[in-house]
Structure formats: C-alpha cells, structure tokens
C-alpha atoms as a PDB file:
ATOM      1  CA  MET A   1      -3.470   1.245  17.703  1.00  0.00           C
ATOM      2  CA  ASN A   2      -7.104   2.041  17.714  1.00  0.00           C
ATOM      3  CA  GLU A   3      -9.297   0.090  15.305  1.00  0.00           C
ATOM      4  CA  THR A   4     -12.052   2.588  14.553  1.00  0.00           C
ATOM      5  CA  ASN A   5     -13.031   3.814  11.123  1.00  0.00           C
ATOM      6  CA  SER A   6     -10.869   5.148   8.361  1.00  0.00           C
ATOM      7  CA  THR A   7     -11.663   8.805   8.710  1.00  0.00           C
ATOM      8  CA  SER A   8      -8.020   9.407  10.077  1.00  0.00           C
ATOM      9  CA  GLY A   9      -6.572   7.988   6.903  1.00  0.00           C
ATOM     10  CA  GLU A  10      -4.891   5.123   8.831  1.00  0.00           C
ATOM     11  CA  LYS A  11      -4.556   1.796   6.956  1.00  0.00           C
ATOM     12  CA  ILE A  12      -3.087  -1.524   7.591  1.00  0.00           C
ATOM     13  CA  ARG A  13      -0.496  -1.961   4.834  1.00  0.00           C
ATOM     14  CA  VAL A  14       0.196  -5.612   3.959  1.00  0.00           C
ATOM     15  CA  LEU A  15       3.004  -7.178   1.779  1.00  0.00           C
ATOM     16  CA  ILE A  16       1.929 -10.534   0.320  1.00  0.00           C
ATOM     17  CA  VAL A  17       4.748 -13.013  -0.296  1.00  0.00           C
ATOM     18  CA  ASP A  18       4.004 -16.368  -2.048  1.00  0.00           C
ATOM     19  CA  ASP A  19       5.500 -18.012  -5.109  1.00  0.00           C
ATOM     20  CA  HIS A  20       2.018 -18.715  -6.569  1.00  0.00           C
ATOM     21  CA  ALA A  21       0.499 -15.869  -8.517  1.00  0.00           C
ATOM     22  CA  MET A  22      -3.065 -17.171  -8.001  1.00  0.00           C
ATOM     23  CA  VAL A  23      -2.616 -17.173  -4.199  1.00  0.00           C
ATOM     24  CA  ARG A  24      -1.219 -13.657  -4.197  1.00  0.00           C
ATOM     25  CA  GLN A  25      -4.155 -12.402  -6.382  1.00  0.00           C
ATOM     26  CA  GLY A  26      -6.673 -14.234  -4.195  1.00  0.00           C
ATOM     27  CA  LEU A  27      -5.232 -12.768  -0.950  1.00  0.00           C
ATOM     28  CA  ARG A  28      -5.055  -9.267  -2.573  1.00  0.00           C
ATOM     29  CA  THR A  29      -8.642  -9.312  -3.686  1.00  0.00           C
ATOM     30  CA  PHE A  30     -10.061 -10.555  -0.461  1.00  0.00           C
ATOM     31  CA  LEU A  31      -8.036  -8.294   1.741  1.00  0.00           C
ATOM     32  CA  GLU A  32      -8.885  -5.160  -0.280  1.00  0.00           C
ATOM     33  CA  LEU A  33     -12.591  -5.984  -0.315  1.00  0.00           C
ATOM     34  CA  GLN A  34     -12.860  -5.812   3.473  1.00  0.00           C
ATOM     35  CA  ASP A  35     -15.356  -3.495   5.156  1.00  0.00           C
ATOM     36  CA  ALA A  36     -13.954  -0.029   4.883  1.00  0.00           C
ATOM     37  CA  SER A  37     -15.860   1.082   7.995  1.00  0.00           C
ATOM     38  CA  ALA A  38     -13.178  -0.708   9.988  1.00  0.00           C
ATOM     39  CA  LEU A  39      -9.520   0.063   9.664  1.00  0.00           C
ATOM     40  CA  PRO A  40      -8.949  -0.534   5.976  1.00  0.00           C
ATOM     41  CA  ILE A  41      -6.332  -2.978   4.603  1.00  0.00           C
ATOM     42  CA  GLU A  42      -4.205  -1.975   1.741  1.00  0.00           C
ATOM     43  CA  VAL A  43      -1.840  -4.259  -0.124  1.00  0.00           C
ATOM     44  CA  ALA A  44       1.517  -2.500  -0.228  1.00  0.00           C
ATOM     45  CA  GLY A  45       3.050  -5.011  -2.698  1.00  0.00           C
ATOM     46  CA  GLU A  46       3.526  -8.594  -3.765  1.00  0.00           C
ATOM     47  CA  ALA A  47       6.662 -10.801  -3.881  1.00  0.00           C
ATOM     48  CA  ALA A  48       7.270 -14.259  -5.303  1.00  0.00           C
ATOM     49  CA  ASN A  49      10.198 -15.199  -3.133  1.00  0.00           C
ATOM     50  CA  GLY A  50      12.115 -14.136  -0.040  1.00  0.00           C
ATOM     51  CA  ARG A  51      14.686 -12.043  -1.903  1.00  0.00           C
ATOM     52  CA  GLU A  52      11.946  -9.949  -3.438  1.00  0.00           C
ATOM     53  CA  ALA A  53      10.205  -9.782  -0.112  1.00  0.00           C
ATOM     54  CA  VAL A  54      13.198  -8.336   1.679  1.00  0.00           C
ATOM     55  CA  GLU A  55      13.665  -5.646  -0.949  1.00  0.00           C
ATOM     56  CA  LEU A  56       9.992  -4.775  -1.094  1.00  0.00           C
ATOM     57  CA  ALA A  57       9.826  -4.616   2.731  1.00  0.00           C
ATOM     58  CA  ARG A  58      12.765  -2.198   2.700  1.00  0.00           C
ATOM     59  CA  GLN A  59      10.993  -0.007   0.042  1.00  0.00           C
ATOM     60  CA  THR A  60       7.437  -0.077   1.356  1.00  0.00           C
ATOM     61  CA  GLN A  61       7.882  -0.575   5.077  1.00  0.00           C
ATOM     62  CA  PRO A  62       4.596  -2.614   5.429  1.00  0.00           C
ATOM     63  CA  ASP A  63       2.774  -3.123   8.739  1.00  0.00           C
ATOM     64  CA  ILE A  64       2.179  -6.780   8.087  1.00  0.00           C
ATOM     65  CA  VAL A  65       3.961  -9.337   5.929  1.00  0.00           C
ATOM     66  CA  LEU A  66       2.030 -12.420   4.951  1.00  0.00           C
ATOM     67  CA  LEU A  67       4.902 -14.785   4.197  1.00  0.00           C
ATOM     68  CA  ASP A  68       4.875 -18.288   2.636  1.00  0.00           C
ATOM     69  CA  LEU A  69       7.511 -20.717   3.739  1.00  0.00           C
ATOM     70  CA  VAL A  70       8.442 -22.802   0.770  1.00  0.00           C
ATOM     71  CA  MET A  71       9.614 -20.564  -2.099  1.00  0.00           C
ATOM     72  CA  PRO A  72      12.446 -20.523  -4.548  1.00  0.00           C
ATOM     73  CA  GLU A  73      15.676 -18.449  -4.180  1.00  0.00           C
ATOM     74  CA  MET A  74      15.057 -17.597  -0.514  1.00  0.00           C
ATOM     75  CA  ASP A  75      12.483 -19.390   1.642  1.00  0.00           C
ATOM     76  CA  GLY A  76      10.321 -17.838   4.435  1.00  0.00           C
ATOM     77  CA  LEU A  77      12.596 -18.969   7.317  1.00  0.00           C
ATOM     78  CA  GLN A  78      15.644 -17.305   5.707  1.00  0.00           C
ATOM     79  CA  ALA A  79      13.608 -14.256   4.806  1.00  0.00           C
ATOM     80  CA  THR A  80      11.967 -13.549   8.182  1.00  0.00           C
ATOM     81  CA  PRO A  81      14.936 -12.080  10.047  1.00  0.00           C
ATOM     82  CA  LYS A  82      16.074 -10.182   6.938  1.00  0.00           C
ATOM     83  CA  ILE A  83      12.532  -8.710   6.504  1.00  0.00           C
ATOM     84  CA  ILE A  84      12.552  -7.571  10.160  1.00  0.00           C
ATOM     85  CA  GLU A  85      16.006  -6.033   9.721  1.00  0.00           C
ATOM     86  CA  ALA A  86      14.964  -4.219   6.577  1.00  0.00           C
ATOM     87  CA  SER A  87      11.641  -3.044   8.019  1.00  0.00           C
ATOM     88  CA  PRO A  88      11.843  -3.191  11.871  1.00  0.00           C
ATOM     89  CA  ASN A  89       8.279  -2.135  12.410  1.00  0.00           C
ATOM     90  CA  SER A  90       6.824  -4.895  10.203  1.00  0.00           C
ATOM     91  CA  ARG A  91       5.166  -7.902  11.798  1.00  0.00           C
ATOM     92  CA  VAL A  92       5.669 -11.181   9.942  1.00  0.00           C
ATOM     93  CA  ILE A  93       2.841 -13.721   9.732  1.00  0.00           C
ATOM     94  CA  ILE A  94       3.806 -17.048   8.282  1.00  0.00           C
ATOM     95  CA  LEU A  95       0.996 -18.287   6.055  1.00  0.00           C
ATOM     96  CA  THR A  96       1.780 -21.801   4.810  1.00  0.00           C
ATOM     97  CA  SER A  97       0.556 -25.251   4.276  1.00  0.00           C
ATOM     98  CA  PHE A  98       3.191 -26.827   6.560  1.00  0.00           C
ATOM     99  CA  GLY A  99       2.548 -26.980  10.296  1.00  0.00           C
ATOM    100  CA  GLU A 100       5.395 -29.477  11.185  1.00  0.00           C
ATOM    101  CA  GLU A 101       7.366 -28.707  14.337  1.00  0.00           C
ATOM    102  CA  ASP A 102      10.624 -28.350  12.399  1.00  0.00           C
ATOM    103  CA  LYS A 103       9.176 -25.377  10.559  1.00  0.00           C
ATOM    104  CA  VAL A 104       7.064 -23.792  13.319  1.00  0.00           C
ATOM    105  CA  LEU A 105       9.865 -23.474  15.914  1.00  0.00           C
ATOM    106  CA  PRO A 106      12.492 -21.923  13.599  1.00  0.00           C
ATOM    107  CA  ALA A 107       9.863 -19.399  12.301  1.00  0.00           C
ATOM    108  CA  ILE A 108       8.928 -18.342  15.849  1.00  0.00           C
ATOM    109  CA  ARG A 109      12.640 -18.111  16.902  1.00  0.00           C
ATOM    110  CA  ALA A 110      13.338 -16.066  13.753  1.00  0.00           C
ATOM    111  CA  GLY A 111      10.823 -13.421  14.956  1.00  0.00           C
ATOM    112  CA  ALA A 112       7.571 -14.275  13.269  1.00  0.00           C
ATOM    113  CA  GLN A 113       4.621 -12.632  14.985  1.00  0.00           C
ATOM    114  CA  GLY A 114       2.232 -15.435  13.846  1.00  0.00           C
ATOM    115  CA  TYR A 115       2.072 -18.817  12.209  1.00  0.00           C
ATOM    116  CA  LEU A 116      -1.140 -19.629  10.292  1.00  0.00           C
ATOM    117  CA  LEU A 117      -2.060 -22.526   8.007  1.00  0.00           C
ATOM    118  CA  LYS A 118      -3.660 -21.946   4.635  1.00  0.00           C
ATOM    119  CA  ASP A 119      -6.703 -23.769   5.636  1.00  0.00           C
ATOM    120  CA  ILE A 120      -7.724 -20.835   7.817  1.00  0.00           C
ATOM    121  CA  PRO A 121     -11.101 -19.287   6.829  1.00  0.00           C
ATOM    122  CA  PRO A 122     -10.678 -16.005   4.996  1.00  0.00           C
ATOM    123  CA  THR A 123     -12.563 -14.026   7.636  1.00  0.00           C
ATOM    124  CA  GLU A 124     -10.247 -15.411  10.314  1.00  0.00           C
ATOM    125  CA  LEU A 125      -7.264 -14.436   8.260  1.00  0.00           C
ATOM    126  CA  VAL A 126      -8.490 -10.805   8.131  1.00  0.00           C
ATOM    127  CA  GLN A 127      -9.029 -10.851  11.853  1.00  0.00           C
ATOM    128  CA  ALA A 128      -5.483 -12.211  12.283  1.00  0.00           C
ATOM    129  CA  VAL A 129      -4.067  -9.354  10.229  1.00  0.00           C
ATOM    130  CA  ARG A 130      -5.990  -6.758  12.270  1.00  0.00           C
ATOM    131  CA  GLU A 131      -4.825  -8.349  15.594  1.00  0.00           C
ATOM    132  CA  ALA A 132      -1.257  -8.711  14.452  1.00  0.00           C
ATOM    133  CA  TYR A 133      -1.326  -5.026  13.620  1.00  0.00           C
ATOM    134  CA  GLN A 134      -2.352  -4.445  17.282  1.00  0.00           C
ATOM    135  CA  GLY A 135       0.657  -6.461  18.392  1.00  0.00           C
ATOM    136  CA  LYS A 136      -1.046  -9.763  19.240  1.00  0.00           C
ATOM    137  CA  VAL A 137       0.498 -13.136  18.462  1.00  0.00           C
ATOM    138  CA  GLN A 138      -1.443 -15.160  15.867  1.00  0.00           C
ATOM    139  CA  LEU A 139      -1.231 -18.927  15.959  1.00  0.00           C
ATOM    140  CA  HIS A 140      -3.232 -21.625  14.172  1.00  0.00           C
ATOM    141  CA  PRO A 141      -4.720 -23.915  16.878  1.00  0.00           C
ATOM    142  CA  GLU A 142      -2.620 -26.857  15.698  1.00  0.00           C
ATOM    143  CA  VAL A 143       0.472 -24.764  15.817  1.00  0.00           C
ATOM    144  CA  ALA A 144      -0.278 -23.622  19.328  1.00  0.00           C
ATOM    145  CA  LYS A 145      -0.666 -27.194  20.425  1.00  0.00           C
ATOM    146  CA  LYS A 146       2.774 -28.048  18.972  1.00  0.00           C
ATOM    147  CA  LEU A 147       4.391 -25.134  20.783  1.00  0.00           C
ATOM    148  CA  MET A 148       2.851 -26.177  24.025  1.00  0.00           C
ATOM    149  CA  ALA A 149       3.883 -29.754  23.546  1.00  0.00           C
ATOM    150  CA  VAL A 150       7.569 -28.665  22.901  1.00  0.00           C
ATOM    151  CA  ALA A 151       7.487 -26.448  26.011  1.00  0.00           C
ATOM    152  CA  ALA A 152       6.047 -29.281  28.069  1.00  0.00           C
ATOM    153  CA  ALA A 153       8.752 -31.707  26.851  1.00  0.00           C
ATOM    154  CA  LYS A 154      11.442 -29.319  28.063  1.00  0.00           C
ATOM    155  CA  GLU A 155       9.882 -28.969  31.502  1.00  0.00           C
ATOM    156  CA  MET A 156      12.020 -29.441  34.544  1.00  0.00           C
ATOM    157  CA  PRO A 157      10.450 -30.156  37.934  1.00  0.00           C
ATOM    158  CA  THR A 158       9.300 -26.762  39.268  1.00  0.00           C
ATOM    159  CA  VAL A 159      10.634 -27.346  42.779  1.00  0.00           C
ATOM    160  CA  THR A 160      14.158 -27.948  41.546  1.00  0.00           C
ATOM    161  CA  ARG A 161      14.383 -25.134  39.073  1.00  0.00           C
ATOM    162  CA  PRO A 162      16.918 -22.599  40.343  1.00  0.00           C
ATOM    163  CA  ALA A 163      16.127 -18.902  40.769  1.00  0.00           C
ATOM    164  CA  SER A 164      16.401 -17.113  37.438  1.00  0.00           C
ATOM    165  CA  ASN A 165      19.307 -14.705  36.858  1.00  0.00           C
ATOM    166  CA  SER A 166      17.554 -13.252  33.848  1.00  0.00           C
ATOM    167  CA  ASP A 167      17.058  -9.501  33.407  1.00  0.00           C
ATOM    168  CA  ASP A 168      13.313  -9.730  32.638  1.00  0.00           C
ATOM    169  CA  GLY A 169      12.430  -8.553  36.218  1.00  0.00           C
ATOM    170  CA  LEU A 170      10.412 -11.598  37.214  1.00  0.00           C
ATOM    171  CA  THR A 171      10.551 -13.028  40.663  1.00  0.00           C
ATOM    172  CA  GLU A 172      11.378 -16.672  41.213  1.00  0.00           C
ATOM    173  CA  ARG A 173       7.707 -17.453  41.696  1.00  0.00           C
ATOM    174  CA  GLU A 174       6.702 -15.598  38.562  1.00  0.00           C
ATOM    175  CA  GLN A 175       9.319 -17.592  36.692  1.00  0.00           C
ATOM    176  CA  GLU A 176       7.689 -20.686  37.936  1.00  0.00           C
ATOM    177  CA  VAL A 177       4.270 -19.542  36.889  1.00  0.00           C
ATOM    178  CA  LEU A 178       5.571 -18.481  33.444  1.00  0.00           C
ATOM    179  CA  GLN A 179       7.022 -21.910  32.858  1.00  0.00           C
ATOM    180  CA  LEU A 180       3.738 -23.573  33.833  1.00  0.00           C
ATOM    181  CA  ILE A 181       1.851 -21.303  31.459  1.00  0.00           C
ATOM    182  CA  ALA A 182       4.315 -22.456  28.688  1.00  0.00           C
ATOM    183  CA  ASP A 183       3.546 -26.047  29.703  1.00  0.00           C
ATOM    184  CA  GLY A 184      -0.113 -25.363  28.862  1.00  0.00           C
ATOM    185  CA  LYS A 185      -1.444 -25.342  32.450  1.00  0.00           C
ATOM    186  CA  ASN A 186      -4.498 -23.240  33.314  1.00  0.00           C
ATOM    187  CA  ASN A 187      -4.809 -21.157  36.532  1.00  0.00           C
ATOM    188  CA  ARG A 188      -6.442 -24.006  38.522  1.00  0.00           C
ATOM    189  CA  GLU A 189      -3.711 -26.464  37.481  1.00  0.00           C
ATOM    190  CA  ILE A 190      -0.991 -23.915  38.294  1.00  0.00           C
ATOM    191  CA  ALA A 191      -2.526 -23.293  41.694  1.00  0.00           C
ATOM    192  CA  GLU A 192      -2.650 -26.965  42.428  1.00  0.00           C
ATOM    193  CA  LYS A 193       0.958 -27.428  41.256  1.00  0.00           C
ATOM    194  CA  LEU A 194       2.306 -24.609  43.368  1.00  0.00           C
ATOM    195  CA  VAL A 195      -0.158 -25.133  46.245  1.00  0.00           C
ATOM    196  CA  ILE A 196      -1.396 -21.569  46.141  1.00  0.00           C
ATOM    197  CA  SER A 197      -4.843 -20.073  45.442  1.00  0.00           C
ATOM    198  CA  GLU A 198      -6.203 -19.290  41.967  1.00  0.00           C
ATOM    199  CA  LYS A 199      -6.481 -15.663  42.949  1.00  0.00           C
ATOM    200  CA  THR A 200      -2.815 -15.609  43.658  1.00  0.00           C
ATOM    201  CA  VAL A 201      -2.088 -17.249  40.314  1.00  0.00           C
ATOM    202  CA  LYS A 202      -4.165 -14.595  38.549  1.00  0.00           C
ATOM    203  CA  THR A 203      -2.091 -11.890  40.282  1.00  0.00           C
ATOM    204  CA  HIS A 204       1.142 -13.532  39.197  1.00  0.00           C
ATOM    205  CA  VAL A 205      -0.086 -13.824  35.549  1.00  0.00           C
ATOM    206  CA  SER A 206      -1.052 -10.133  35.511  1.00  0.00           C
ATOM    207  CA  ASN A 207       2.343  -9.169  36.864  1.00  0.00           C
ATOM    208  CA  ILE A 208       4.128 -11.398  34.366  1.00  0.00           C
ATOM    209  CA  LEU A 209       2.226  -9.850  31.377  1.00  0.00           C
ATOM    210  CA  ALA A 210       2.853  -6.318  32.692  1.00  0.00           C
ATOM    211  CA  LYS A 211       6.520  -6.810  33.343  1.00  0.00           C
ATOM    212  CA  LEU A 212       7.163  -8.454  30.006  1.00  0.00           C
ATOM    213  CA  ASN A 213       4.780  -6.065  28.133  1.00  0.00           C
ATOM    214  CA  LEU A 214       2.756  -8.921  26.712  1.00  0.00           C
ATOM    215  CA  ASP A 215      -0.964  -9.037  25.885  1.00  0.00           C
ATOM    216  CA  ASP A 216      -1.975 -12.643  26.761  1.00  0.00           C
ATOM    217  CA  ARG A 217      -0.889 -16.097  27.846  1.00  0.00           C
ATOM    218  CA  THR A 218      -0.031 -17.255  24.341  1.00  0.00           C
ATOM    219  CA  GLN A 219       2.543 -14.493  24.010  1.00  0.00           C
ATOM    220  CA  ALA A 220       3.835 -15.384  27.448  1.00  0.00           C
ATOM    221  CA  ALA A 221       4.218 -19.045  26.420  1.00  0.00           C
ATOM    222  CA  ILE A 222       6.040 -18.054  23.215  1.00  0.00           C
ATOM    223  CA  TYR A 223       8.320 -15.728  25.340  1.00  0.00           C
ATOM    224  CA  ALA A 224       9.168 -18.671  27.641  1.00  0.00           C
ATOM    225  CA  LEU A 225       9.842 -21.010  24.688  1.00  0.00           C
ATOM    226  CA  ARG A 226      12.184 -18.554  22.956  1.00  0.00           C
ATOM    227  CA  ARG A 227      13.941 -18.001  26.207  1.00  0.00           C
ATOM    228  CA  GLU A 228      14.394 -21.684  26.959  1.00  0.00           C
ATOM    229  CA  THR A 229      15.712 -22.332  23.425  1.00  0.00           C
ATOM    230  CA  SER A 230      17.913 -19.258  23.116  1.00  0.00           C
ATOM    231  CA  PRO A 231      21.576 -20.147  22.443  1.00  0.00           C
ATOM    232  CA  ASP A 232      22.554 -17.533  24.987  1.00  0.00           C
ATOM    233  CA  ARG A 233      20.996 -19.427  27.874  1.00  0.00           C
ATOM    234  CA  LYS A 234      23.230 -21.870  29.729  1.00  0.00           C
END
C-alpha cells in the first residue's frame, strides 16, 4: 500500500471501539484532523463494546480496528478473533491501559496486529495506524519487552533443539536464528552464540523474513512466539 497523497481517493478506514464516549470522540477528532496531504484517515464507525464492534466490523469492513480491552458485554480479547472472522482484511490494534503479560499474550495469539498503551503520544498513534495499514506490527515498547522476556523464558539450548518439522520452509540453522531473534538477541550476539559471522547472520535474517513474508525482526519474534505457544505444537 503506497502512502502518497489522497488524489486516488484511497483512505484508511478506522473503527474505534471503547466503552468511554469521551475516548471515542477524542480519537475520532484527532484522527480526522490529520494532514490530508498524506493518506487520509476516516472513522468508519464507533462501538462501545465487543458485540457492537463485531457487528460494525461486519457491516463496514474497516482497514484498522482500534480496540479497547476492558469493556462490558464482550471484552477486547473475546472480540478480536470474532472481528477478524467478520472482516478478514481488518487489522486489530489493541489500545488499552493494561500492559500485563496475561493480557498481552492472549491478544497477540488471538490475532491482534498491534498492542499499544493509552499513554502513547497522539502523533505516534497516527503513525501506528498508518504502519499497521501497511502490514507492520505495532507494539508499545513495554509490551515488546514483555514479549521478548516470555520468549527468552521459553528458550531451550540452541545446540540441543531438534531440526524443525514445520512447514514454514526454514532450514535448521534459520530456525535457530529465528529463536534467537525471539530471545531478543541482536546480530552480533547471534553470531557469537552460533559461532558464525555477522554477515552470515544478516543473510539468515533476510532469508527468514522473505520465507515468512515478514517485514522486520519484531514480526519474526511474534511469529516465533505464536509458533512456540501454539496448541498444535508438540
């Protein structure tokens, strides 16, 4: 998706879901006042709970859903997979005050494209909406740290990890590099761990992103985390 100007008529359509009317109004006002010379943002609708969000998503097919977690009737965790089912092309960004691990992990596993806290500066929220529209994962820095910590806690010694029988097309070495990315290691640390050059690590990382159709290391880490915690994995 090319973020140029709005001459083509293309817009980012956003569904706002929060049980507080003032929050919804504030988000709508700020989003719709953004610079129209960039790809404009249009609020497709507002919902006060998860049930309303699912129905509105089905009706409006928004590009982005800004979804609160704690709401009456149906919360954000319950609503996320239902929204994706009702509007498969929608990307869900959790926007909440709660960054605890027991909320972050279920949201990511449910299919959320991003997880942001409500203390995010408004300009960064707009950037997150635009980048999520382009397919990029959006994580608050504190949330990213929690995900990395969880992945690291699940780490097995690299030398004893068996060859993967997954269908993602990665070689055994690429599987090792992917796990180390999920553990929060940079290229130098990966090179030292596997006793290979940084140049070789960069090649492996590029191959991993290409094979998995991912944009960056954060997406790769989330992919690894979802894979490790999937109930289908033995």
